[in-house]
Amino acid sequence: VLELDGRVLLQRRHGALIEHICSGPAPGALVALPGGLRAMRSYGELRFAKAALRPAVRNTFSVRLGLNPIPDLGIALTISIVEAGREEVRGDGSTALFDADRTGVLSVSTFREGDRFMPLGMTRETKLKDFFMGRKVPRSERRDIPLLLSDGKIIWVVGQRMDERFKVGPATARMLKVVTSHLSNETPEPAGG
């Protein structure tokens, strides 16, 4: 028996369940334990968490020029059009620049089985699931990563990688600048309002 936090008691059978997920083939194996605790194996690490899994956000959110708060995802996107060559991308993954003439109607979504995109620097589309696996993003975290879409196609796995087909090139005249930030407790005014 193991005592955690002075309140949760794990018995031998719980230890056997944890051992099973550690030795099993599934990288995102998860087991529920007493007291709302859960254990998850994620790419060679065993993690314990007290928080319950959040339900997946399945909505698609329309976005446009200006400030776009998306409370369901805990982010805000600020979108603007800028002249080519006048902007630099910060190295922290919070800003992306796209060829504005290649983009269409913008929206934000989250991971869905079967999603595909062409990561920057590649010449073929790849499954978003494979991209996440290559970056060792735990299955439980994939649904929390926002995706910027243009006419329903992924153009940016926000904070991680943009799509090759929408990058700024020598012929780009106008750039679509997208800056993401975390929402604070104060609700910002939406775009156009």
N, C-alpha and C. Protein backbone atom coordinates (compact mmCIF):
# COMPACT_ATOMS: atom_id res chain seq x y z
N VAL A 1 0.86 -1.18 0.00
CA VAL A 1 0.00 0.00 0.00
C VAL A 1 0.90 1.24 0.00
N LEU A 2 0.56 2.21 -0.87
CA LEU A 2 1.32 3.45 -0.99
C LEU A 2 0.40 4.61 -0.65
N GLU A 3 0.89 5.52 0.16
CA GLU A 3 0.07 6.66 0.54
C GLU A 3 0.61 7.90 -0.16
N LEU A 4 -0.26 8.62 -0.86
CA LEU A 4 0.09 9.85 -1.55
C LEU A 4 -0.72 10.98 -0.97
N ASP A 5 -0.09 12.11 -0.72
CA ASP A 5 -0.79 13.27 -0.20
C ASP A 5 -1.41 13.04 1.17
N GLY A 6 -1.06 11.93 1.79
CA GLY A 6 -1.65 11.63 3.08
C GLY A 6 -3.10 11.18 2.99
N ARG A 7 -3.66 11.05 1.78
CA ARG A 7 -5.07 10.72 1.66
C ARG A 7 -5.36 9.54 0.73
N VAL A 8 -4.61 9.37 -0.32
CA VAL A 8 -4.92 8.34 -1.31
C VAL A 8 -4.11 7.08 -1.02
N LEU A 9 -4.78 5.98 -0.89
CA LEU A 9 -4.11 4.70 -0.65
C LEU A 9 -4.18 3.86 -1.92
N LEU A 10 -3.04 3.42 -2.36
CA LEU A 10 -2.98 2.53 -3.52
C LEU A 10 -2.66 1.14 -3.01
N GLN A 11 -3.41 0.18 -3.46
CA GLN A 11 -3.19 -1.19 -3.04
C GLN A 11 -2.41 -1.94 -4.10
N ARG A 12 -2.07 -3.18 -3.80
CA ARG A 12 -1.28 -4.00 -4.73
C ARG A 12 -1.92 -4.08 -6.11
N ARG A 13 -3.23 -4.19 -6.16
CA ARG A 13 -3.89 -4.31 -7.48
C ARG A 13 -3.69 -3.04 -8.30
N HIS A 14 -3.60 -1.88 -7.63
CA HIS A 14 -3.32 -0.64 -8.35
C HIS A 14 -1.89 -0.64 -8.88
N GLY A 15 -0.99 -1.17 -8.05
CA GLY A 15 0.40 -1.30 -8.50
C GLY A 15 0.51 -2.20 -9.71
N ALA A 16 -0.30 -3.27 -9.74
CA ALA A 16 -0.29 -4.18 -10.89
C ALA A 16 -0.80 -3.48 -12.14
N LEU A 17 -1.83 -2.64 -11.99
CA LEU A 17 -2.35 -1.89 -13.13
C LEU A 17 -1.29 -0.91 -13.67
N ILE A 18 -0.59 -0.24 -12.77
CA ILE A 18 0.46 0.69 -13.18
C ILE A 18 1.58 -0.06 -13.87
N GLU A 19 1.96 -1.21 -13.32
CA GLU A 19 3.00 -2.03 -13.95
C GLU A 19 2.57 -2.47 -15.35
N HIS A 20 1.29 -2.80 -15.51
CA HIS A 20 0.77 -3.23 -16.81
C HIS A 20 0.89 -2.11 -17.85
N ILE A 21 0.53 -0.87 -17.50
CA ILE A 21 0.64 0.21 -18.50
C ILE A 21 2.10 0.55 -18.79
N CYS A 22 2.98 0.33 -17.81
CA CYS A 22 4.41 0.60 -18.03
C CYS A 22 5.04 -0.42 -18.98
N SER A 23 4.57 -1.65 -18.93
CA SER A 23 5.17 -2.70 -19.75
C SER A 23 4.40 -2.97 -21.05
N GLY A 24 3.24 -2.36 -21.20
CA GLY A 24 2.42 -2.58 -22.39
C GLY A 24 2.92 -1.80 -23.60
N PRO A 25 2.37 -2.09 -24.78
CA PRO A 25 2.84 -1.46 -26.01
C PRO A 25 2.29 -0.05 -26.26
N ALA A 26 1.17 0.32 -25.64
CA ALA A 26 0.53 1.61 -25.95
C ALA A 26 1.24 2.76 -25.24
N PRO A 27 1.74 3.77 -26.02
CA PRO A 27 2.46 4.88 -25.40
C PRO A 27 1.59 5.81 -24.57
N GLY A 28 0.28 5.84 -24.82
CA GLY A 28 -0.59 6.74 -24.08
C GLY A 28 -1.50 6.01 -23.12
N ALA A 29 -1.06 4.85 -22.63
CA ALA A 29 -1.89 4.04 -21.74
C ALA A 29 -2.21 4.82 -20.47
N LEU A 30 -3.43 4.66 -20.00
CA LEU A 30 -3.93 5.42 -18.86
C LEU A 30 -4.69 4.49 -17.93
N VAL A 31 -4.54 4.71 -16.62
CA VAL A 31 -5.29 3.93 -15.64
C VAL A 31 -5.84 4.89 -14.58
N ALA A 32 -7.13 4.71 -14.25
CA ALA A 32 -7.77 5.52 -13.21
C ALA A 32 -7.49 4.87 -11.86
N LEU A 33 -7.15 5.69 -10.88
CA LEU A 33 -6.81 5.23 -9.53
C LEU A 33 -7.75 5.87 -8.52
N PRO A 34 -7.76 5.42 -7.29
CA PRO A 34 -8.64 6.01 -6.27
C PRO A 34 -8.37 7.50 -6.07
N GLY A 35 -9.40 8.20 -5.62
CA GLY A 35 -9.26 9.62 -5.28
C GLY A 35 -9.12 10.54 -6.48
N GLY A 36 -9.55 10.10 -7.67
CA GLY A 36 -9.45 10.94 -8.86
C GLY A 36 -8.06 11.00 -9.45
N LEU A 37 -7.16 10.21 -8.93
CA LEU A 37 -5.78 10.17 -9.44
C LEU A 37 -5.75 9.32 -10.69
N ARG A 38 -4.90 9.67 -11.62
CA ARG A 38 -4.71 8.84 -12.81
C ARG A 38 -3.22 8.71 -13.08
N ALA A 39 -2.84 7.58 -13.64
CA ALA A 39 -1.45 7.34 -14.03
C ALA A 39 -1.44 7.12 -15.53
N MET A 40 -0.43 7.70 -16.20
CA MET A 40 -0.35 7.57 -17.65
C MET A 40 1.10 7.39 -18.06
N ARG A 41 1.31 6.42 -18.95
CA ARG A 41 2.64 6.26 -19.53
C ARG A 41 2.66 7.07 -20.82
N SER A 42 3.67 7.90 -20.94
CA SER A 42 3.78 8.76 -22.11
C SER A 42 5.23 8.79 -22.57
N TYR A 43 5.52 8.05 -23.64
CA TYR A 43 6.86 8.05 -24.24
C TYR A 43 7.97 7.89 -23.22
N GLY A 44 7.90 6.81 -22.45
CA GLY A 44 8.98 6.47 -21.53
C GLY A 44 8.86 7.11 -20.16
N GLU A 45 7.87 7.94 -19.93
CA GLU A 45 7.67 8.56 -18.63
C GLU A 45 6.36 8.07 -18.02
N LEU A 46 6.36 7.93 -16.71
CA LEU A 46 5.14 7.61 -16.00
C LEU A 46 4.71 8.88 -15.29
N ARG A 47 3.51 9.35 -15.60
CA ARG A 47 3.01 10.59 -15.02
C ARG A 47 1.79 10.30 -14.15
N PHE A 48 1.70 11.02 -13.04
CA PHE A 48 0.54 10.95 -12.17
C PHE A 48 -0.11 12.32 -12.18
N ALA A 49 -1.43 12.36 -12.27
CA ALA A 49 -2.15 13.63 -12.26
C ALA A 49 -3.43 13.48 -11.47
N LYS A 50 -3.82 14.54 -10.84
CA LYS A 50 -5.05 14.55 -10.06
C LYS A 50 -6.21 15.11 -10.88
N ALA A 51 -5.90 15.93 -11.87
CA ALA A 51 -6.94 16.58 -12.67
C ALA A 51 -7.64 15.58 -13.58
N ALA A 52 -8.91 15.75 -13.73
CA ALA A 52 -9.68 14.91 -14.65
C ALA A 52 -9.39 15.33 -16.08
N LEU A 53 -9.53 14.40 -17.01
CA LEU A 53 -9.36 14.73 -18.42
C LEU A 53 -10.48 15.67 -18.86
N ARG A 54 -10.08 16.72 -19.54
CA ARG A 54 -11.06 17.66 -20.08
C ARG A 54 -11.70 17.05 -21.31
N PRO A 55 -12.98 17.26 -21.51
CA PRO A 55 -13.58 16.75 -22.74
C PRO A 55 -12.98 17.47 -23.94
N ALA A 56 -12.89 16.77 -25.04
CA ALA A 56 -12.33 17.35 -26.26
C ALA A 56 -13.22 18.49 -26.75
N VAL A 57 -12.58 19.55 -27.24
CA VAL A 57 -13.29 20.66 -27.85
C VAL A 57 -13.48 20.30 -29.31
N ARG A 58 -14.71 20.11 -29.73
CA ARG A 58 -14.99 19.66 -31.09
C ARG A 58 -15.48 20.79 -31.99
N ASN A 59 -15.63 21.99 -31.46
CA ASN A 59 -16.13 23.11 -32.24
C ASN A 59 -15.08 23.64 -33.20
N THR A 60 -15.55 24.31 -34.23
CA THR A 60 -14.68 25.08 -35.11
C THR A 60 -15.07 26.53 -34.89
N PHE A 61 -14.06 27.40 -34.69
CA PHE A 61 -14.29 28.79 -34.35
C PHE A 61 -13.86 29.67 -35.52
N SER A 62 -14.75 30.52 -35.99
CA SER A 62 -14.41 31.46 -37.05
C SER A 62 -13.51 32.54 -36.48
N VAL A 63 -12.51 32.95 -37.25
CA VAL A 63 -11.63 34.05 -36.86
C VAL A 63 -11.48 35.00 -38.04
N ARG A 64 -11.11 36.23 -37.75
CA ARG A 64 -10.94 37.25 -38.79
C ARG A 64 -9.89 38.25 -38.34
N LEU A 65 -9.66 39.27 -39.15
CA LEU A 65 -8.68 40.29 -38.79
C LEU A 65 -9.05 40.91 -37.45
N GLY A 66 -8.04 41.19 -36.64
CA GLY A 66 -8.26 41.78 -35.32
C GLY A 66 -8.03 40.76 -34.22
N LEU A 67 -8.53 41.07 -33.03
CA LEU A 67 -8.38 40.20 -31.87
C LEU A 67 -9.50 39.18 -31.83
N ASN A 68 -9.15 37.91 -31.68
CA ASN A 68 -10.11 36.81 -31.68
C ASN A 68 -9.92 35.96 -30.42
N PRO A 69 -10.63 36.27 -29.32
CA PRO A 69 -10.52 35.42 -28.13
C PRO A 69 -11.28 34.12 -28.36
N ILE A 70 -10.68 33.01 -27.93
CA ILE A 70 -11.33 31.70 -28.03
C ILE A 70 -11.26 31.07 -26.64
N PRO A 71 -12.19 31.42 -25.76
CA PRO A 71 -12.15 30.95 -24.38
C PRO A 71 -12.14 29.43 -24.24
N ASP A 72 -12.84 28.71 -25.14
CA ASP A 72 -12.87 27.25 -25.05
C ASP A 72 -11.48 26.64 -25.14
N LEU A 73 -10.56 27.31 -25.84
CA LEU A 73 -9.19 26.81 -26.00
C LEU A 73 -8.20 27.59 -25.13
N GLY A 74 -8.67 28.63 -24.44
CA GLY A 74 -7.80 29.41 -23.55
C GLY A 74 -6.79 30.28 -24.28
N ILE A 75 -7.09 30.63 -25.54
CA ILE A 75 -6.16 31.44 -26.32
C ILE A 75 -6.88 32.62 -26.97
N ALA A 76 -6.08 33.55 -27.47
CA ALA A 76 -6.56 34.62 -28.32
C ALA A 76 -5.61 34.69 -29.51
N LEU A 77 -6.18 34.91 -30.70
CA LEU A 77 -5.37 35.11 -31.90
C LEU A 77 -5.56 36.54 -32.36
N THR A 78 -4.45 37.23 -32.61
CA THR A 78 -4.50 38.56 -33.18
C THR A 78 -4.01 38.43 -34.62
N ILE A 79 -4.88 38.79 -35.56
CA ILE A 79 -4.60 38.57 -36.98
C ILE A 79 -4.57 39.91 -37.70
N SER A 80 -3.52 40.11 -38.51
CA SER A 80 -3.40 41.36 -39.27
C SER A 80 -2.74 41.08 -40.62
N ILE A 81 -2.89 42.02 -41.53
CA ILE A 81 -2.23 41.97 -42.83
C ILE A 81 -1.09 42.97 -42.78
N VAL A 82 0.10 42.54 -43.15
CA VAL A 82 1.28 43.41 -43.15
C VAL A 82 1.99 43.29 -44.49
N GLU A 83 2.75 44.33 -44.81
CA GLU A 83 3.51 44.33 -46.06
C GLU A 83 4.66 43.32 -45.96
N ALA A 84 4.91 42.62 -47.04
CA ALA A 84 5.98 41.60 -47.04
C ALA A 84 7.32 42.22 -46.69
N GLY A 85 8.10 41.49 -45.93
CA GLY A 85 9.44 41.92 -45.56
C GLY A 85 9.50 42.88 -44.40
N ARG A 86 8.37 43.26 -43.82
CA ARG A 86 8.35 44.24 -42.73
C ARG A 86 8.24 43.61 -41.35
N GLU A 87 8.10 42.32 -41.28
CA GLU A 87 7.87 41.65 -40.00
C GLU A 87 8.84 40.49 -39.81
N GLU A 88 9.17 40.23 -38.58
CA GLU A 88 10.00 39.09 -38.22
C GLU A 88 9.18 38.18 -37.30
N VAL A 89 9.47 36.90 -37.36
CA VAL A 89 8.78 35.94 -36.49
C VAL A 89 9.60 35.76 -35.23
N ARG A 90 8.92 35.85 -34.07
CA ARG A 90 9.60 35.58 -32.81
C ARG A 90 9.89 34.09 -32.72
N GLY A 91 10.97 33.73 -32.09
CA GLY A 91 11.38 32.33 -31.98
C GLY A 91 10.63 31.52 -30.94
N ASP A 92 9.64 32.11 -30.28
CA ASP A 92 8.93 31.40 -29.21
C ASP A 92 7.70 30.63 -29.70
N GLY A 93 7.45 30.63 -31.00
CA GLY A 93 6.32 29.89 -31.56
C GLY A 93 4.98 30.60 -31.44
N SER A 94 4.98 31.85 -30.95
CA SER A 94 3.71 32.55 -30.77
C SER A 94 3.28 33.34 -31.99
N THR A 95 4.14 33.45 -33.00
CA THR A 95 3.83 34.23 -34.19
C THR A 95 4.10 33.42 -35.45
N ALA A 96 3.22 33.56 -36.42
CA ALA A 96 3.43 32.91 -37.72
C ALA A 96 3.05 33.90 -38.82
N LEU A 97 3.79 33.83 -39.92
CA LEU A 97 3.53 34.67 -41.08
C LEU A 97 3.19 33.78 -42.26
N PHE A 98 2.12 34.14 -42.97
CA PHE A 98 1.66 33.37 -44.12
C PHE A 98 1.54 34.28 -45.33
N ASP A 99 1.60 33.71 -46.52
CA ASP A 99 1.32 34.46 -47.74
C ASP A 99 -0.18 34.74 -47.74
N ALA A 100 -0.55 36.00 -47.56
CA ALA A 100 -1.96 36.37 -47.42
C ALA A 100 -2.78 36.02 -48.66
N ASP A 101 -2.15 36.03 -49.83
CA ASP A 101 -2.89 35.74 -51.06
C ASP A 101 -3.16 34.24 -51.24
N ARG A 102 -2.56 33.40 -50.42
CA ARG A 102 -2.83 31.95 -50.48
C ARG A 102 -3.86 31.51 -49.45
N THR A 103 -4.21 32.40 -48.53
CA THR A 103 -5.15 32.02 -47.48
C THR A 103 -6.57 32.42 -47.86
N GLY A 104 -7.53 31.72 -47.28
CA GLY A 104 -8.95 31.98 -47.53
C GLY A 104 -9.66 32.30 -46.23
N VAL A 105 -10.81 31.68 -46.03
CA VAL A 105 -11.61 31.88 -44.82
C VAL A 105 -10.92 31.16 -43.67
N LEU A 106 -10.65 31.91 -42.60
CA LEU A 106 -9.89 31.37 -41.47
C LEU A 106 -10.81 30.85 -40.36
N SER A 107 -10.35 29.80 -39.71
CA SER A 107 -11.04 29.25 -38.55
C SER A 107 -10.03 28.53 -37.68
N VAL A 108 -10.44 28.17 -36.48
CA VAL A 108 -9.60 27.43 -35.54
C VAL A 108 -10.35 26.20 -35.10
N SER A 109 -9.65 25.09 -35.02
CA SER A 109 -10.21 23.82 -34.61
C SER A 109 -9.19 23.10 -33.74
N THR A 110 -9.48 21.85 -33.41
CA THR A 110 -8.53 21.00 -32.71
C THR A 110 -8.42 19.67 -33.45
N PHE A 111 -7.49 18.85 -33.01
CA PHE A 111 -7.18 17.57 -33.65
C PHE A 111 -8.40 16.68 -33.82
N ARG A 112 -8.52 16.16 -35.04
CA ARG A 112 -9.53 15.15 -35.34
C ARG A 112 -8.83 14.02 -36.08
N GLU A 113 -9.24 12.82 -35.81
CA GLU A 113 -8.65 11.66 -36.48
C GLU A 113 -8.72 11.85 -38.00
N GLY A 114 -7.60 11.61 -38.67
CA GLY A 114 -7.55 11.73 -40.13
C GLY A 114 -7.03 13.07 -40.61
N ASP A 115 -6.84 14.06 -39.71
CA ASP A 115 -6.30 15.36 -40.12
C ASP A 115 -4.94 15.19 -40.78
N ARG A 116 -4.69 16.00 -41.82
CA ARG A 116 -3.42 15.96 -42.54
C ARG A 116 -2.96 17.38 -42.82
N PHE A 117 -1.64 17.54 -42.96
CA PHE A 117 -1.07 18.81 -43.42
C PHE A 117 0.33 18.54 -43.94
N MET A 118 0.95 19.56 -44.55
CA MET A 118 2.30 19.42 -45.09
C MET A 118 3.23 20.28 -44.24
N PRO A 119 3.93 19.69 -43.26
CA PRO A 119 4.80 20.47 -42.38
C PRO A 119 5.85 21.26 -43.15
N LEU A 120 6.14 22.46 -42.68
CA LEU A 120 7.14 23.33 -43.30
C LEU A 120 8.42 22.55 -43.56
N GLY A 121 8.93 22.64 -44.79
CA GLY A 121 10.16 21.96 -45.17
C GLY A 121 9.94 20.60 -45.81
N MET A 122 8.68 20.13 -45.82
CA MET A 122 8.39 18.81 -46.41
C MET A 122 7.72 18.98 -47.77
N THR A 123 7.72 17.90 -48.56
CA THR A 123 7.12 17.94 -49.89
C THR A 123 5.87 17.07 -49.99
N ARG A 124 5.50 16.39 -48.91
CA ARG A 124 4.32 15.54 -48.89
C ARG A 124 3.51 15.81 -47.65
N GLU A 125 2.20 15.57 -47.80
CA GLU A 125 1.33 15.67 -46.63
C GLU A 125 1.65 14.53 -45.67
N THR A 126 1.38 14.78 -44.39
CA THR A 126 1.53 13.76 -43.37
C THR A 126 0.31 13.80 -42.47
N LYS A 127 0.02 12.69 -41.83
CA LYS A 127 -1.07 12.68 -40.86
C LYS A 127 -0.65 13.50 -39.65
N LEU A 128 -1.57 14.30 -39.16
CA LEU A 128 -1.29 15.09 -37.97
C LEU A 128 -0.95 14.18 -36.79
N LYS A 129 -1.60 13.03 -36.72
CA LYS A 129 -1.31 12.05 -35.66
C LYS A 129 0.17 11.64 -35.72
N ASP A 130 0.71 11.38 -36.92
CA ASP A 130 2.11 11.01 -37.07
C ASP A 130 3.04 12.16 -36.69
N PHE A 131 2.64 13.38 -37.03
CA PHE A 131 3.42 14.57 -36.65
C PHE A 131 3.51 14.65 -35.13
N PHE A 132 2.36 14.48 -34.44
CA PHE A 132 2.36 14.53 -32.98
C PHE A 132 3.19 13.40 -32.38
N MET A 133 3.09 12.21 -32.95
CA MET A 133 3.87 11.09 -32.43
C MET A 133 5.37 11.35 -32.60
N GLY A 134 5.76 11.92 -33.74
CA GLY A 134 7.17 12.25 -33.97
C GLY A 134 7.70 13.29 -32.99
N ARG A 135 6.83 14.16 -32.55
CA ARG A 135 7.23 15.19 -31.57
C ARG A 135 6.98 14.73 -30.14
N LYS A 136 6.53 13.47 -29.99
CA LYS A 136 6.26 12.87 -28.68
C LYS A 136 5.23 13.67 -27.87
N VAL A 137 4.20 14.16 -28.56
CA VAL A 137 3.11 14.86 -27.89
C VAL A 137 2.16 13.79 -27.36
N PRO A 138 1.95 13.70 -26.04
CA PRO A 138 1.06 12.68 -25.49
C PRO A 138 -0.34 12.78 -26.09
N ARG A 139 -0.96 11.64 -26.28
CA ARG A 139 -2.31 11.58 -26.85
C ARG A 139 -3.27 12.47 -26.08
N SER A 140 -3.14 12.51 -24.76
CA SER A 140 -4.05 13.30 -23.93
C SER A 140 -3.89 14.80 -24.14
N GLU A 141 -2.77 15.25 -24.73
CA GLU A 141 -2.52 16.67 -24.94
C GLU A 141 -2.82 17.12 -26.36
N ARG A 142 -2.97 16.19 -27.28
CA ARG A 142 -3.15 16.54 -28.70
C ARG A 142 -4.42 17.34 -28.94
N ARG A 143 -5.46 17.03 -28.22
CA ARG A 143 -6.74 17.72 -28.44
C ARG A 143 -6.74 19.13 -27.87
N ASP A 144 -5.70 19.52 -27.15
CA ASP A 144 -5.60 20.86 -26.59
C ASP A 144 -4.82 21.81 -27.49
N ILE A 145 -4.22 21.30 -28.55
CA ILE A 145 -3.40 22.13 -29.43
C ILE A 145 -4.27 22.73 -30.53
N PRO A 146 -4.37 24.06 -30.57
CA PRO A 146 -5.21 24.69 -31.59
C PRO A 146 -4.61 24.52 -32.99
N LEU A 147 -5.49 24.45 -33.98
CA LEU A 147 -5.09 24.35 -35.38
C LEU A 147 -5.71 25.53 -36.12
N LEU A 148 -4.89 26.31 -36.82
CA LEU A 148 -5.41 27.39 -37.65
C LEU A 148 -5.69 26.81 -39.03
N LEU A 149 -6.92 27.03 -39.51
CA LEU A 149 -7.36 26.48 -40.79
C LEU A 149 -7.62 27.59 -41.79
N SER A 150 -7.38 27.31 -43.06
CA SER A 150 -7.76 28.19 -44.15
C SER A 150 -8.63 27.36 -45.09
N ASP A 151 -9.88 27.77 -45.25
CA ASP A 151 -10.84 27.01 -46.05
C ASP A 151 -10.85 25.53 -45.63
N GLY A 152 -10.76 25.29 -44.33
CA GLY A 152 -10.84 23.93 -43.79
C GLY A 152 -9.54 23.15 -43.81
N LYS A 153 -8.45 23.71 -44.35
CA LYS A 153 -7.15 23.02 -44.40
C LYS A 153 -6.24 23.58 -43.31
N ILE A 154 -5.51 22.70 -42.63
CA ILE A 154 -4.59 23.13 -41.58
C ILE A 154 -3.45 23.93 -42.20
N ILE A 155 -3.27 25.17 -41.70
CA ILE A 155 -2.12 25.96 -42.16
C ILE A 155 -1.12 26.19 -41.03
N TRP A 156 -1.53 25.94 -39.78
CA TRP A 156 -0.61 26.11 -38.64
C TRP A 156 -1.06 25.24 -37.49
N VAL A 157 -0.17 24.36 -37.04
CA VAL A 157 -0.35 23.67 -35.77
C VAL A 157 0.20 24.70 -34.78
N VAL A 158 -0.69 25.44 -34.16
CA VAL A 158 -0.32 26.66 -33.42
C VAL A 158 0.79 26.39 -32.42
N GLY A 159 1.83 27.21 -32.55
CA GLY A 159 2.99 27.12 -31.68
C GLY A 159 4.00 26.06 -32.07
N GLN A 160 3.69 25.28 -33.14
CA GLN A 160 4.59 24.17 -33.47
C GLN A 160 5.10 24.21 -34.90
N ARG A 161 4.21 24.13 -35.90
CA ARG A 161 4.68 24.08 -37.29
C ARG A 161 3.60 24.57 -38.21
N MET A 162 3.99 25.34 -39.23
CA MET A 162 3.04 25.79 -40.23
C MET A 162 3.11 24.88 -41.46
N ASP A 163 2.17 25.05 -42.36
CA ASP A 163 2.10 24.26 -43.58
C ASP A 163 2.97 24.90 -44.66
N GLU A 164 3.75 24.07 -45.32
CA GLU A 164 4.67 24.48 -46.38
C GLU A 164 3.96 25.29 -47.48
N ARG A 165 2.75 24.93 -47.82
CA ARG A 165 2.05 25.54 -48.95
C ARG A 165 1.60 26.97 -48.69
N PHE A 166 1.65 27.43 -47.44
CA PHE A 166 1.18 28.77 -47.11
C PHE A 166 2.32 29.69 -46.65
N LYS A 167 3.56 29.23 -46.79
CA LYS A 167 4.69 30.02 -46.30
C LYS A 167 4.92 31.26 -47.16
N VAL A 168 5.60 32.21 -46.58
CA VAL A 168 6.00 33.43 -47.26
C VAL A 168 7.14 33.09 -48.20
N GLY A 169 7.05 33.57 -49.44
CA GLY A 169 8.10 33.32 -50.43
C GLY A 169 8.53 34.61 -51.11
N PRO A 170 9.44 34.53 -52.07
CA PRO A 170 9.94 35.72 -52.76
C PRO A 170 8.84 36.51 -53.48
N ALA A 171 7.79 35.84 -53.92
CA ALA A 171 6.71 36.53 -54.65
C ALA A 171 5.63 37.08 -53.72
N THR A 172 5.76 36.87 -52.42
CA THR A 172 4.73 37.32 -51.47
C THR A 172 4.71 38.84 -51.40
N ALA A 173 3.52 39.43 -51.60
CA ALA A 173 3.36 40.88 -51.51
C ALA A 173 2.77 41.28 -50.15
N ARG A 174 1.82 40.48 -49.66
CA ARG A 174 1.17 40.76 -48.38
C ARG A 174 1.26 39.54 -47.50
N MET A 175 1.50 39.78 -46.21
CA MET A 175 1.59 38.66 -45.27
C MET A 175 0.43 38.71 -44.28
N LEU A 176 -0.05 37.54 -43.94
CA LEU A 176 -1.02 37.39 -42.88
C LEU A 176 -0.21 37.09 -41.62
N LYS A 177 -0.28 37.99 -40.65
CA LYS A 177 0.46 37.81 -39.39
C LYS A 177 -0.52 37.34 -38.33
N VAL A 178 -0.19 36.21 -37.69
CA VAL A 178 -1.03 35.65 -36.64
C VAL A 178 -0.20 35.52 -35.37
N VAL A 179 -0.67 36.16 -34.31
CA VAL A 179 0.00 36.10 -33.01
C VAL A 179 -0.95 35.45 -32.02
N THR A 180 -0.47 34.41 -31.34
CA THR A 180 -1.29 33.73 -30.35
C THR A 180 -0.83 34.10 -28.95
N SER A 181 -1.78 34.19 -28.05
CA SER A 181 -1.47 34.46 -26.64
C SER A 181 -2.47 33.70 -25.78
N HIS A 182 -2.10 33.48 -24.54
CA HIS A 182 -3.00 32.81 -23.60
C HIS A 182 -3.98 33.84 -23.06
N LEU A 183 -5.20 33.44 -22.90
CA LEU A 183 -6.21 34.34 -22.33
C LEU A 183 -5.97 34.49 -20.83
N SER A 184 -6.07 35.71 -20.37
CA SER A 184 -5.98 35.96 -18.93
C SER A 184 -7.39 35.88 -18.36
N ASN A 185 -7.54 36.16 -17.10
CA ASN A 185 -8.86 36.12 -16.47
C ASN A 185 -9.79 37.20 -17.00
N GLU A 186 -9.19 38.27 -17.56
CA GLU A 186 -10.01 39.33 -18.14
C GLU A 186 -10.35 38.93 -19.57
N THR A 187 -11.57 39.16 -19.96
CA THR A 187 -12.00 38.80 -21.31
C THR A 187 -11.74 39.97 -22.25
N PRO A 188 -10.89 39.78 -23.28
CA PRO A 188 -10.63 40.86 -24.22
C PRO A 188 -11.83 41.06 -25.15
N GLU A 189 -11.89 42.23 -25.77
CA GLU A 189 -12.93 42.52 -26.75
C GLU A 189 -12.64 41.73 -28.01
N PRO A 190 -13.66 41.12 -28.63
CA PRO A 190 -13.45 40.36 -29.86
C PRO A 190 -13.16 41.27 -31.04
N ALA A 191 -12.72 40.66 -32.14
CA ALA A 191 -12.41 41.39 -33.36
C ALA A 191 -13.63 42.16 -33.81
N GLY A 192 -13.41 43.40 -34.21
CA GLY A 192 -14.48 44.23 -34.73
C GLY A 192 -15.43 44.75 -33.68
N GLY A 193 -15.14 44.53 -32.39
CA GLY A 193 -16.12 44.93 -31.41
C GLY A 193 -15.56 45.70 -30.31
